[in-house]
Amino acid sequence: MSSESKTQDWSKPAAMAIPKGGYFEDKVEQGRYGPIFPKTPACYGFSILAKIVPGREDVFYKYAKNIEGTIAAQPDALAVLQLHYLRWVLFPIKGDTYFMYQGIFDTDFDKYTEDAVTLFGITGLRTVFENLEGFPMDWQTNPAAFVKFVRDHQCPSFLEYAEYPYVSATEIKKALKLKAAFSTMLDQMQ
């Protein structure tokens, strides 16, 4: 386990109420691109809500299929992002279509942003975010512009809960491997 997880009690569920605005005023940690969203029992993450460019709804579904195929072929393709979960939702508001991105990951916001920009740069992939109104087209060479877009569209949570708080995705995978090894060992003993 990481030293940080050892200091947190992962053995019982935890919830954290987050003030309006998304930051604890007495604990604001400054990163390279401004304040860091706080680590919660669910780890780090952010949620954005942005209007998509009209007529581009199908691009989002095609992009989702591309990610599905990429992960099927190369399961560790997004490993650098240290993700727990991603959830993407399209929904209508007053005749326009909006995109909601929710991500939970193990690194702080600055590192996640830089890793995402690097990952896309190395692979030559474009991001589906390019189909959102106002998204900076120079995002691959201008992480600060990407950060500004995310912060401008951030919808901070006001409650986060975790059944297994403060545990990294790596720690969860290790625990599951250990469980599988014990199961195999017990099966062989029978």
C-alpha atoms as a PDB file:
ATOM      1  CA  MET A   1       0.000   0.000   0.000  1.00  0.00           C
ATOM      2  CA  SER A   2       1.120   3.539  -0.590  1.00  0.00           C
ATOM      3  CA  SER A   3       2.148   5.512   2.486  1.00  0.00           C
ATOM      4  CA  GLU A   4      -0.816   7.847   1.971  1.00  0.00           C
ATOM      5  CA  SER A   5      -3.332   4.985   1.990  1.00  0.00           C
ATOM      6  CA  LYS A   6      -1.734   3.593   5.142  1.00  0.00           C
ATOM      7  CA  THR A   7      -2.519   6.864   6.930  1.00  0.00           C
ATOM      8  CA  GLN A   8      -6.173   6.703   5.829  1.00  0.00           C
ATOM      9  CA  ASP A   9      -8.540   4.056   7.142  1.00  0.00           C
ATOM     10  CA  TRP A  10      -9.533   2.191   3.984  1.00  0.00           C
ATOM     11  CA  SER A  11     -11.342  -0.527   5.957  1.00  0.00           C
ATOM     12  CA  LYS A  12     -14.577   1.397   6.419  1.00  0.00           C
ATOM     13  CA  PRO A  13     -16.575   3.635   4.094  1.00  0.00           C
ATOM     14  CA  ALA A  14     -16.016   7.384   4.176  1.00  0.00           C
ATOM     15  CA  ALA A  15     -17.867  10.417   2.900  1.00  0.00           C
ATOM     16  CA  MET A  16     -16.693  13.990   2.509  1.00  0.00           C
ATOM     17  CA  ALA A  17     -18.861  17.071   2.122  1.00  0.00           C
ATOM     18  CA  ILE A  18     -17.149  19.596  -0.129  1.00  0.00           C
ATOM     19  CA  PRO A  19     -17.937  23.307   0.106  1.00  0.00           C
ATOM     20  CA  LYS A  20     -19.627  25.190  -2.709  1.00  0.00           C
ATOM     21  CA  GLY A  21     -16.957  25.960  -5.290  1.00  0.00           C
ATOM     22  CA  GLY A  22     -15.118  22.678  -4.778  1.00  0.00           C
ATOM     23  CA  TYR A  23     -12.299  23.743  -2.476  1.00  0.00           C
ATOM     24  CA  PHE A  24     -11.698  23.873   1.260  1.00  0.00           C
ATOM     25  CA  GLU A  25     -10.650  27.486   1.779  1.00  0.00           C
ATOM     26  CA  ASP A  26      -8.276  26.650   4.645  1.00  0.00           C
ATOM     27  CA  LYS A  27      -6.608  23.817   2.690  1.00  0.00           C
ATOM     28  CA  VAL A  28      -6.322  25.094  -0.885  1.00  0.00           C
ATOM     29  CA  GLU A  29      -3.247  23.529  -2.438  1.00  0.00           C
ATOM     30  CA  GLN A  30      -1.772  25.494  -5.324  1.00  0.00           C
ATOM     31  CA  GLY A  31      -0.537  23.532  -8.300  1.00  0.00           C
ATOM     32  CA  ARG A  32       1.160  24.603 -11.502  1.00  0.00           C
ATOM     33  CA  TYR A  33      -2.180  25.615 -13.039  1.00  0.00           C
ATOM     34  CA  GLY A  34      -3.953  27.050 -10.001  1.00  0.00           C
ATOM     35  CA  PRO A  35      -5.729  25.353  -7.116  1.00  0.00           C
ATOM     36  CA  ILE A  36      -5.732  21.563  -6.993  1.00  0.00           C
ATOM     37  CA  PHE A  37      -9.111  19.933  -6.547  1.00  0.00           C
ATOM     38  CA  PRO A  38      -8.962  18.175  -3.151  1.00  0.00           C
ATOM     39  CA  LYS A  39      -8.338  14.495  -2.689  1.00  0.00           C
ATOM     40  CA  THR A  40     -11.478  12.894  -1.311  1.00  0.00           C
ATOM     41  CA  PRO A  41     -12.331   9.372  -0.185  1.00  0.00           C
ATOM     42  CA  ALA A  42     -12.983   8.683  -3.902  1.00  0.00           C
ATOM     43  CA  CYS A  43      -9.448   9.963  -4.742  1.00  0.00           C
ATOM     44  CA  TYR A  44      -9.003  12.830  -7.222  1.00  0.00           C
ATOM     45  CA  GLY A  45     -11.307  13.728 -10.053  1.00  0.00           C
ATOM     46  CA  PHE A  46     -13.316  16.318 -11.863  1.00  0.00           C
ATOM     47  CA  SER A  47     -16.601  16.679 -13.691  1.00  0.00           C
ATOM     48  CA  ILE A  48     -17.212  19.039 -16.563  1.00  0.00           C
ATOM     49  CA  LEU A  49     -20.343  19.998 -18.418  1.00  0.00           C
ATOM     50  CA  ALA A  50     -19.963  21.603 -21.846  1.00  0.00           C
ATOM     51  CA  LYS A  51     -22.086  22.215 -24.912  1.00  0.00           C
ATOM     52  CA  ILE A  52     -21.088  20.183 -27.948  1.00  0.00           C
ATOM     53  CA  VAL A  53     -20.734  21.710 -31.381  1.00  0.00           C
ATOM     54  CA  PRO A  54     -24.155  21.181 -33.029  1.00  0.00           C
ATOM     55  CA  GLY A  55     -24.296  18.146 -35.306  1.00  0.00           C
ATOM     56  CA  ARG A  56     -21.362  16.338 -33.725  1.00  0.00           C
ATOM     57  CA  GLU A  57     -23.221  13.919 -31.452  1.00  0.00           C
ATOM     58  CA  ASP A  58     -22.227  10.906 -33.555  1.00  0.00           C
ATOM     59  CA  VAL A  59     -18.538  11.770 -33.112  1.00  0.00           C
ATOM     60  CA  PHE A  60     -18.875  11.061 -29.384  1.00  0.00           C
ATOM     61  CA  TYR A  61     -20.363   7.610 -29.943  1.00  0.00           C
ATOM     62  CA  LYS A  62     -17.708   6.738 -32.547  1.00  0.00           C
ATOM     63  CA  TYR A  63     -14.987   7.959 -30.194  1.00  0.00           C
ATOM     64  CA  ALA A  64     -16.390   5.777 -27.398  1.00  0.00           C
ATOM     65  CA  LYS A  65     -16.253   2.740 -29.718  1.00  0.00           C
ATOM     66  CA  ASN A  66     -12.642   3.634 -30.596  1.00  0.00           C
ATOM     67  CA  ILE A  67     -11.696   3.731 -26.920  1.00  0.00           C
ATOM     68  CA  GLU A  68     -13.478   0.422 -26.336  1.00  0.00           C
ATOM     69  CA  GLY A  69     -11.488  -1.145 -29.188  1.00  0.00           C
ATOM     70  CA  THR A  70      -8.220   0.378 -28.052  1.00  0.00           C
ATOM     71  CA  ILE A  71      -8.633  -0.937 -24.514  1.00  0.00           C
ATOM     72  CA  ALA A  72      -9.645  -4.386 -25.806  1.00  0.00           C
ATOM     73  CA  ALA A  73      -6.472  -4.517 -27.914  1.00  0.00           C
ATOM     74  CA  GLN A  74      -4.165  -2.789 -25.441  1.00  0.00           C
ATOM     75  CA  PRO A  75      -5.593  -2.906 -21.889  1.00  0.00           C
ATOM     76  CA  ASP A  76      -2.938  -0.583 -20.472  1.00  0.00           C
ATOM     77  CA  ALA A  77      -3.404   2.136 -23.124  1.00  0.00           C
ATOM     78  CA  LEU A  78      -4.656   4.643 -20.540  1.00  0.00           C
ATOM     79  CA  ALA A  79      -2.602   3.326 -17.604  1.00  0.00           C
ATOM     80  CA  VAL A  80      -0.521   6.485 -17.320  1.00  0.00           C
ATOM     81  CA  LEU A  81      -3.684   8.365 -16.300  1.00  0.00           C
ATOM     82  CA  GLN A  82      -4.131   6.136 -13.236  1.00  0.00           C
ATOM     83  CA  LEU A  83      -7.882   6.085 -13.740  1.00  0.00           C
ATOM     84  CA  HIS A  84     -10.457   4.437 -11.552  1.00  0.00           C
ATOM     85  CA  TYR A  85     -13.477   5.379 -13.628  1.00  0.00           C
ATOM     86  CA  LEU A  86     -14.622   7.504 -16.520  1.00  0.00           C
ATOM     87  CA  ARG A  87     -18.243   8.262 -17.226  1.00  0.00           C
ATOM     88  CA  TRP A  88     -19.366  10.164 -20.297  1.00  0.00           C
ATOM     89  CA  VAL A  89     -22.939  11.308 -20.772  1.00  0.00           C
ATOM     90  CA  LEU A  90     -24.685  13.234 -23.584  1.00  0.00           C
ATOM     91  CA  PHE A  91     -27.965  14.905 -22.730  1.00  0.00           C
ATOM     92  CA  PRO A  92     -30.224  17.654 -24.029  1.00  0.00           C
ATOM     93  CA  ILE A  93     -30.717  21.052 -22.411  1.00  0.00           C
ATOM     94  CA  LYS A  94     -33.173  23.397 -24.135  1.00  0.00           C
ATOM     95  CA  GLY A  95     -32.623  21.866 -27.570  1.00  0.00           C
ATOM     96  CA  ASP A  96     -28.810  21.714 -27.348  1.00  0.00           C
ATOM     97  CA  THR A  97     -26.707  18.655 -26.587  1.00  0.00           C
ATOM     98  CA  TYR A  98     -24.284  18.761 -23.676  1.00  0.00           C
ATOM     99  CA  PHE A  99     -21.430  16.474 -22.749  1.00  0.00           C
ATOM    100  CA  MET A 100     -20.696  15.531 -19.161  1.00  0.00           C
ATOM    101  CA  TYR A 101     -17.288  14.090 -18.347  1.00  0.00           C
ATOM    102  CA  GLN A 102     -16.696  12.530 -14.959  1.00  0.00           C
ATOM    103  CA  GLY A 103     -13.309  11.097 -14.115  1.00  0.00           C
ATOM    104  CA  ILE A 104     -11.853   9.637 -10.926  1.00  0.00           C
ATOM    105  CA  PHE A 105      -8.113   9.038 -10.819  1.00  0.00           C
ATOM    106  CA  ASP A 106      -5.143   8.691  -8.463  1.00  0.00           C
ATOM    107  CA  THR A 107      -3.056  11.727  -9.368  1.00  0.00           C
ATOM    108  CA  ASP A 108      -3.708  15.371  -8.720  1.00  0.00           C
ATOM    109  CA  PHE A 109      -5.358  17.455 -11.428  1.00  0.00           C
ATOM    110  CA  ASP A 110      -2.111  18.985 -12.738  1.00  0.00           C
ATOM    111  CA  LYS A 111      -0.426  15.607 -13.215  1.00  0.00           C
ATOM    112  CA  TYR A 112      -3.549  14.098 -14.783  1.00  0.00           C
ATOM    113  CA  THR A 113      -3.721  17.009 -17.233  1.00  0.00           C
ATOM    114  CA  GLU A 114      -0.052  16.807 -18.169  1.00  0.00           C
ATOM    115  CA  ASP A 115      -0.196  13.013 -18.509  1.00  0.00           C
ATOM    116  CA  ALA A 116      -3.296  13.242 -20.726  1.00  0.00           C
ATOM    117  CA  VAL A 117      -1.699  15.866 -22.980  1.00  0.00           C
ATOM    118  CA  THR A 118       1.499  13.772 -23.198  1.00  0.00           C
ATOM    119  CA  LEU A 119      -0.447  10.553 -23.892  1.00  0.00           C
ATOM    120  CA  PHE A 120      -2.396  12.146 -26.720  1.00  0.00           C
ATOM    121  CA  GLY A 121       0.763  13.775 -28.067  1.00  0.00           C
ATOM    122  CA  ILE A 122       2.695  10.496 -28.123  1.00  0.00           C
ATOM    123  CA  THR A 123      -0.122   8.533 -29.742  1.00  0.00           C
ATOM    124  CA  GLY A 124      -1.092  11.283 -32.167  1.00  0.00           C
ATOM    125  CA  LEU A 125      -4.704  10.912 -31.097  1.00  0.00           C
ATOM    126  CA  ARG A 126      -7.098  13.798 -30.935  1.00  0.00           C
ATOM    127  CA  THR A 127      -9.478  14.246 -28.041  1.00  0.00           C
ATOM    128  CA  VAL A 128     -13.254  14.132 -28.347  1.00  0.00           C
ATOM    129  CA  PHE A 129     -13.174  17.375 -26.340  1.00  0.00           C
ATOM    130  CA  GLU A 130     -12.311  19.101 -29.634  1.00  0.00           C
ATOM    131  CA  ASN A 131     -16.009  18.788 -30.418  1.00  0.00           C
ATOM    132  CA  LEU A 132     -16.991  20.971 -27.475  1.00  0.00           C
ATOM    133  CA  GLU A 133     -17.761  24.648 -27.980  1.00  0.00           C
ATOM    134  CA  GLY A 134     -14.852  26.826 -26.910  1.00  0.00           C
ATOM    135  CA  PHE A 135     -12.330  23.989 -26.516  1.00  0.00           C
ATOM    136  CA  PRO A 136      -8.800  25.274 -27.299  1.00  0.00           C
ATOM    137  CA  MET A 137      -7.494  23.699 -30.481  1.00  0.00           C
ATOM    138  CA  ASP A 138      -3.892  24.253 -29.291  1.00  0.00           C
ATOM    139  CA  TRP A 139      -4.454  22.061 -26.214  1.00  0.00           C
ATOM    140  CA  GLN A 140      -1.640  19.637 -27.142  1.00  0.00           C
ATOM    141  CA  THR A 141       0.971  22.379 -26.889  1.00  0.00           C
ATOM    142  CA  ASN A 142      -0.835  24.560 -24.385  1.00  0.00           C
ATOM    143  CA  PRO A 143      -1.822  22.605 -21.248  1.00  0.00           C
ATOM    144  CA  ALA A 144      -2.773  25.867 -19.519  1.00  0.00           C
ATOM    145  CA  ALA A 145      -5.500  26.435 -22.131  1.00  0.00           C
ATOM    146  CA  PHE A 146      -6.813  22.905 -21.541  1.00  0.00           C
ATOM    147  CA  VAL A 147      -6.841  23.557 -17.785  1.00  0.00           C
ATOM    148  CA  LYS A 148      -8.681  26.856 -18.254  1.00  0.00           C
ATOM    149  CA  PHE A 149     -11.349  25.111 -20.329  1.00  0.00           C
ATOM    150  CA  VAL A 150     -11.806  22.402 -17.697  1.00  0.00           C
ATOM    151  CA  ARG A 151     -11.938  24.912 -14.844  1.00  0.00           C
ATOM    152  CA  ASP A 152     -14.421  27.087 -16.754  1.00  0.00           C
ATOM    153  CA  HIS A 153     -16.675  24.043 -17.245  1.00  0.00           C
ATOM    154  CA  GLN A 154     -16.048  22.324 -13.904  1.00  0.00           C
ATOM    155  CA  CYS A 155     -19.108  21.286 -11.926  1.00  0.00           C
ATOM    156  CA  PRO A 156     -17.623  20.596  -8.505  1.00  0.00           C
ATOM    157  CA  SER A 157     -19.166  17.849  -6.458  1.00  0.00           C
ATOM    158  CA  PHE A 158     -20.418  18.648  -2.992  1.00  0.00           C
ATOM    159  CA  LEU A 159     -20.328  15.090  -1.653  1.00  0.00           C
ATOM    160  CA  GLU A 160     -18.018  12.216  -2.426  1.00  0.00           C
ATOM    161  CA  TYR A 161     -18.298   8.739  -0.941  1.00  0.00           C
ATOM    162  CA  ALA A 162     -16.147   5.653  -1.222  1.00  0.00           C
ATOM    163  CA  GLU A 163     -16.784   2.150   0.038  1.00  0.00           C
ATOM    164  CA  TYR A 164     -12.975   1.689   0.081  1.00  0.00           C
ATOM    165  CA  PRO A 165     -11.692   5.243   0.676  1.00  0.00           C
ATOM    166  CA  TYR A 166      -8.325   6.622  -0.401  1.00  0.00           C
ATOM    167  CA  VAL A 167      -7.232   3.379  -2.083  1.00  0.00           C
ATOM    168  CA  SER A 168      -5.447   3.657  -5.413  1.00  0.00           C
ATOM    169  CA  ALA A 169      -6.372   1.671  -8.500  1.00  0.00           C
ATOM    170  CA  THR A 170      -2.950   0.001  -8.294  1.00  0.00           C
ATOM    171  CA  GLU A 171      -3.632  -1.118  -4.724  1.00  0.00           C
ATOM    172  CA  ILE A 172      -7.019  -2.515  -5.741  1.00  0.00           C
ATOM    173  CA  LYS A 173      -5.444  -4.478  -8.603  1.00  0.00           C
ATOM    174  CA  LYS A 174      -2.740  -5.844  -6.258  1.00  0.00           C
ATOM    175  CA  ALA A 175      -5.383  -6.952  -3.765  1.00  0.00           C
ATOM    176  CA  LEU A 176      -7.363  -8.695  -6.498  1.00  0.00           C
ATOM    177  CA  LYS A 177      -4.205 -10.461  -7.765  1.00  0.00           C
ATOM    178  CA  LEU A 178      -3.463 -11.609  -4.237  1.00  0.00           C
ATOM    179  CA  LYS A 179      -7.041 -12.876  -3.879  1.00  0.00           C
ATOM    180  CA  ALA A 180      -6.718 -14.783  -7.162  1.00  0.00           C
ATOM    181  CA  ALA A 181      -3.393 -16.293  -6.055  1.00  0.00           C
ATOM    182  CA  PHE A 182      -4.918 -17.429  -2.753  1.00  0.00           C
ATOM    183  CA  SER A 183      -7.900 -18.919  -4.583  1.00  0.00           C
ATOM    184  CA  THR A 184      -5.572 -20.833  -6.916  1.00  0.00           C
ATOM    185  CA  MET A 185      -3.498 -22.046  -3.987  1.00  0.00           C
ATOM    186  CA  LEU A 186      -6.598 -23.206  -2.093  1.00  0.00           C
ATOM    187  CA  ASP A 187      -7.946 -24.951  -5.204  1.00  0.00           C
ATOM    188  CA  GLN A 188      -4.654 -26.819  -5.587  1.00  0.00           C
ATOM    189  CA  MET A 189      -4.741 -27.921  -1.942  1.00  0.00           C
ATOM    190  CA  GLN A 190      -8.080 -29.710  -2.408  1.00  0.00           C
END
